[in-house]
């Protein structure tokens, strides 16, 4: 007998995503490519919803 979930489970489709910000270790914040703090860029936050930090925990947010 095959488990029910195996009838519907599909491999995750990989998406190529580029982030319009990078982590600045000196400031310990995400910054946009022109050097502004990403968390204070309202247009960026409206588009992405958040700026997840790549430093340390994946649950940390720069807000």
N, C-alpha and C. Protein backbone atom coordinates (compact mmCIF):
# COMPACT_ATOMS: atom_id res chain seq x y z
N UNK A 1 0.85 -1.18 0.00
CA UNK A 1 0.00 0.00 0.00
C UNK A 1 0.89 1.25 0.00
N UNK A 2 0.57 2.21 -0.86
CA UNK A 2 1.35 3.43 -0.98
C UNK A 2 0.70 4.53 -0.12
N UNK A 3 1.51 5.26 0.67
CA UNK A 3 0.94 6.35 1.47
C UNK A 3 0.25 7.38 0.59
N UNK A 4 -0.83 7.94 1.09
CA UNK A 4 -1.66 8.91 0.36
C UNK A 4 -0.84 10.09 -0.16
N UNK A 5 0.06 10.63 0.65
CA UNK A 5 0.83 11.82 0.27
C UNK A 5 1.70 11.58 -0.96
N UNK A 6 2.15 10.36 -1.17
CA UNK A 6 3.01 10.09 -2.32
C UNK A 6 2.27 10.22 -3.65
N UNK A 7 0.96 10.18 -3.62
CA UNK A 7 0.18 10.38 -4.84
C UNK A 7 0.21 11.84 -5.28
N UNK A 8 0.45 12.74 -4.36
CA UNK A 8 0.35 14.17 -4.65
C UNK A 8 1.66 14.94 -4.45
N UNK A 9 2.64 14.33 -3.81
CA UNK A 9 3.90 15.03 -3.55
C UNK A 9 4.66 15.23 -4.85
N UNK A 10 5.20 16.41 -5.01
CA UNK A 10 6.00 16.73 -6.18
C UNK A 10 7.31 17.36 -5.71
N UNK A 11 8.38 17.15 -6.45
CA UNK A 11 9.64 17.79 -6.07
C UNK A 11 9.50 19.32 -6.14
N UNK A 12 10.17 19.98 -5.25
CA UNK A 12 10.14 21.44 -5.24
C UNK A 12 10.82 21.97 -6.51
N UNK A 13 10.18 22.93 -7.12
CA UNK A 13 10.74 23.53 -8.32
C UNK A 13 11.70 24.63 -7.90
N UNK A 14 12.92 24.53 -8.34
CA UNK A 14 13.91 25.55 -8.00
C UNK A 14 13.64 26.84 -8.75
N UNK A 15 13.69 27.95 -8.05
CA UNK A 15 13.50 29.25 -8.67
C UNK A 15 14.78 30.04 -8.54
N UNK A 16 15.13 30.70 -9.61
CA UNK A 16 16.28 31.58 -9.54
C UNK A 16 15.81 32.93 -9.05
N UNK A 17 16.35 33.35 -7.95
CA UNK A 17 15.96 34.64 -7.38
C UNK A 17 17.22 35.43 -7.07
N UNK A 18 17.17 36.69 -7.36
CA UNK A 18 18.27 37.57 -7.00
C UNK A 18 17.73 38.56 -5.99
N UNK A 19 18.51 38.81 -4.99
CA UNK A 19 18.09 39.79 -3.99
C UNK A 19 18.72 41.13 -4.32
N UNK A 20 17.92 42.19 -4.21
CA UNK A 20 18.44 43.51 -4.53
C UNK A 20 19.20 44.15 -3.36
N UNK A 21 19.68 43.32 -2.44
CA UNK A 21 20.45 43.81 -1.30
C UNK A 21 21.51 42.80 -0.93
N UNK A 22 22.51 43.23 -0.17
CA UNK A 22 23.59 42.36 0.30
C UNK A 22 23.81 42.64 1.78
N UNK A 23 24.42 41.68 2.46
CA UNK A 23 24.72 41.85 3.88
C UNK A 23 26.01 42.62 4.05
N UNK A 24 25.98 43.67 4.87
CA UNK A 24 27.17 44.47 5.19
C UNK A 24 27.61 44.08 6.59
N UNK A 25 28.74 43.38 6.71
CA UNK A 25 29.20 42.90 8.01
C UNK A 25 29.63 44.04 8.93
N UNK A 26 30.05 45.16 8.37
CA UNK A 26 30.43 46.31 9.21
C UNK A 26 29.23 46.92 9.89
N UNK A 27 28.14 47.09 9.15
CA UNK A 27 26.91 47.64 9.71
C UNK A 27 26.05 46.57 10.38
N UNK A 28 26.30 45.32 10.03
CA UNK A 28 25.50 44.17 10.45
C UNK A 28 24.05 44.36 10.03
N UNK A 29 23.87 44.85 8.80
CA UNK A 29 22.55 45.07 8.21
C UNK A 29 22.60 44.71 6.74
N UNK A 30 21.43 44.49 6.16
CA UNK A 30 21.34 44.35 4.72
C UNK A 30 21.28 45.74 4.11
N UNK A 31 22.06 45.95 3.07
CA UNK A 31 22.08 47.25 2.38
C UNK A 31 21.80 47.03 0.90
N UNK A 32 21.19 48.04 0.27
CA UNK A 32 20.93 47.99 -1.15
C UNK A 32 22.24 48.18 -1.91
N UNK A 33 22.20 47.99 -3.20
CA UNK A 33 23.42 48.08 -3.99
C UNK A 33 24.03 49.48 -3.99
N UNK A 34 23.19 50.50 -3.70
CA UNK A 34 23.73 51.86 -3.64
C UNK A 34 24.10 52.29 -2.22
N UNK A 35 24.07 51.35 -1.25
CA UNK A 35 24.56 51.61 0.09
C UNK A 35 23.52 52.01 1.12
N UNK A 36 22.25 52.13 0.71
CA UNK A 36 21.20 52.48 1.68
C UNK A 36 20.79 51.25 2.49
N UNK A 37 20.31 51.45 3.71
CA UNK A 37 19.86 50.34 4.55
C UNK A 37 18.59 49.75 3.94
N UNK A 38 18.59 48.46 3.67
CA UNK A 38 17.48 47.82 2.97
C UNK A 38 16.18 47.88 3.77
N UNK A 39 16.26 47.79 5.09
CA UNK A 39 15.05 47.79 5.91
C UNK A 39 14.34 49.14 5.90
N UNK A 40 15.03 50.21 5.48
CA UNK A 40 14.37 51.52 5.43
C UNK A 40 13.92 51.88 4.01
N UNK A 41 14.08 50.96 3.07
CA UNK A 41 13.65 51.17 1.69
C UNK A 41 12.21 50.66 1.55
N UNK A 42 11.24 51.57 1.61
CA UNK A 42 9.83 51.19 1.64
C UNK A 42 9.40 50.48 0.36
N UNK A 43 9.90 50.91 -0.78
CA UNK A 43 9.54 50.25 -2.04
C UNK A 43 10.05 48.81 -2.05
N UNK A 44 11.25 48.59 -1.55
CA UNK A 44 11.82 47.25 -1.48
C UNK A 44 11.01 46.36 -0.54
N UNK A 45 10.62 46.90 0.60
CA UNK A 45 9.83 46.12 1.55
C UNK A 45 8.45 45.80 1.01
N UNK A 46 7.84 46.73 0.26
CA UNK A 46 6.54 46.44 -0.36
C UNK A 46 6.68 45.32 -1.38
N UNK A 47 7.78 45.30 -2.11
CA UNK A 47 7.99 44.28 -3.14
C UNK A 47 8.30 42.92 -2.54
N UNK A 48 9.18 42.88 -1.55
CA UNK A 48 9.65 41.60 -1.00
C UNK A 48 8.95 41.19 0.28
N UNK A 49 8.41 42.13 1.02
CA UNK A 49 7.75 41.81 2.28
C UNK A 49 8.68 41.86 3.47
N UNK A 50 9.96 41.55 3.27
CA UNK A 50 10.94 41.55 4.35
C UNK A 50 12.34 41.49 3.76
N UNK A 51 13.32 41.75 4.56
CA UNK A 51 14.71 41.58 4.14
C UNK A 51 15.36 40.59 5.09
N UNK A 52 15.25 39.33 4.79
CA UNK A 52 15.80 38.29 5.64
C UNK A 52 17.32 38.36 5.64
N UNK A 53 17.88 38.37 6.81
CA UNK A 53 19.32 38.45 6.93
C UNK A 53 19.95 37.09 6.66
N UNK A 54 21.11 37.08 6.05
CA UNK A 54 21.82 35.82 5.82
C UNK A 54 22.87 35.59 6.89
N UNK A 55 22.96 36.47 7.85
CA UNK A 55 23.94 36.31 8.92
C UNK A 55 23.30 35.54 10.07
N UNK A 56 23.91 34.47 10.46
CA UNK A 56 23.40 33.72 11.61
C UNK A 56 22.09 33.01 11.28
N UNK A 57 21.11 33.23 12.11
CA UNK A 57 19.84 32.53 12.00
C UNK A 57 19.05 32.99 10.79
N UNK A 58 18.40 32.07 10.14
CA UNK A 58 17.55 32.40 8.98
C UNK A 58 16.23 33.00 9.43
N UNK A 59 15.96 33.03 10.73
CA UNK A 59 14.70 33.61 11.20
C UNK A 59 14.88 35.06 11.65
N UNK A 60 16.08 35.60 11.52
CA UNK A 60 16.32 36.98 11.93
C UNK A 60 15.91 37.93 10.81
N UNK A 61 15.22 39.02 11.17
CA UNK A 61 14.79 39.99 10.18
C UNK A 61 15.36 41.37 10.53
N UNK A 62 15.73 42.12 9.52
CA UNK A 62 16.23 43.48 9.72
C UNK A 62 15.05 44.45 9.61
N UNK A 63 14.31 44.60 10.67
CA UNK A 63 13.17 45.53 10.59
C UNK A 63 13.19 46.53 11.71
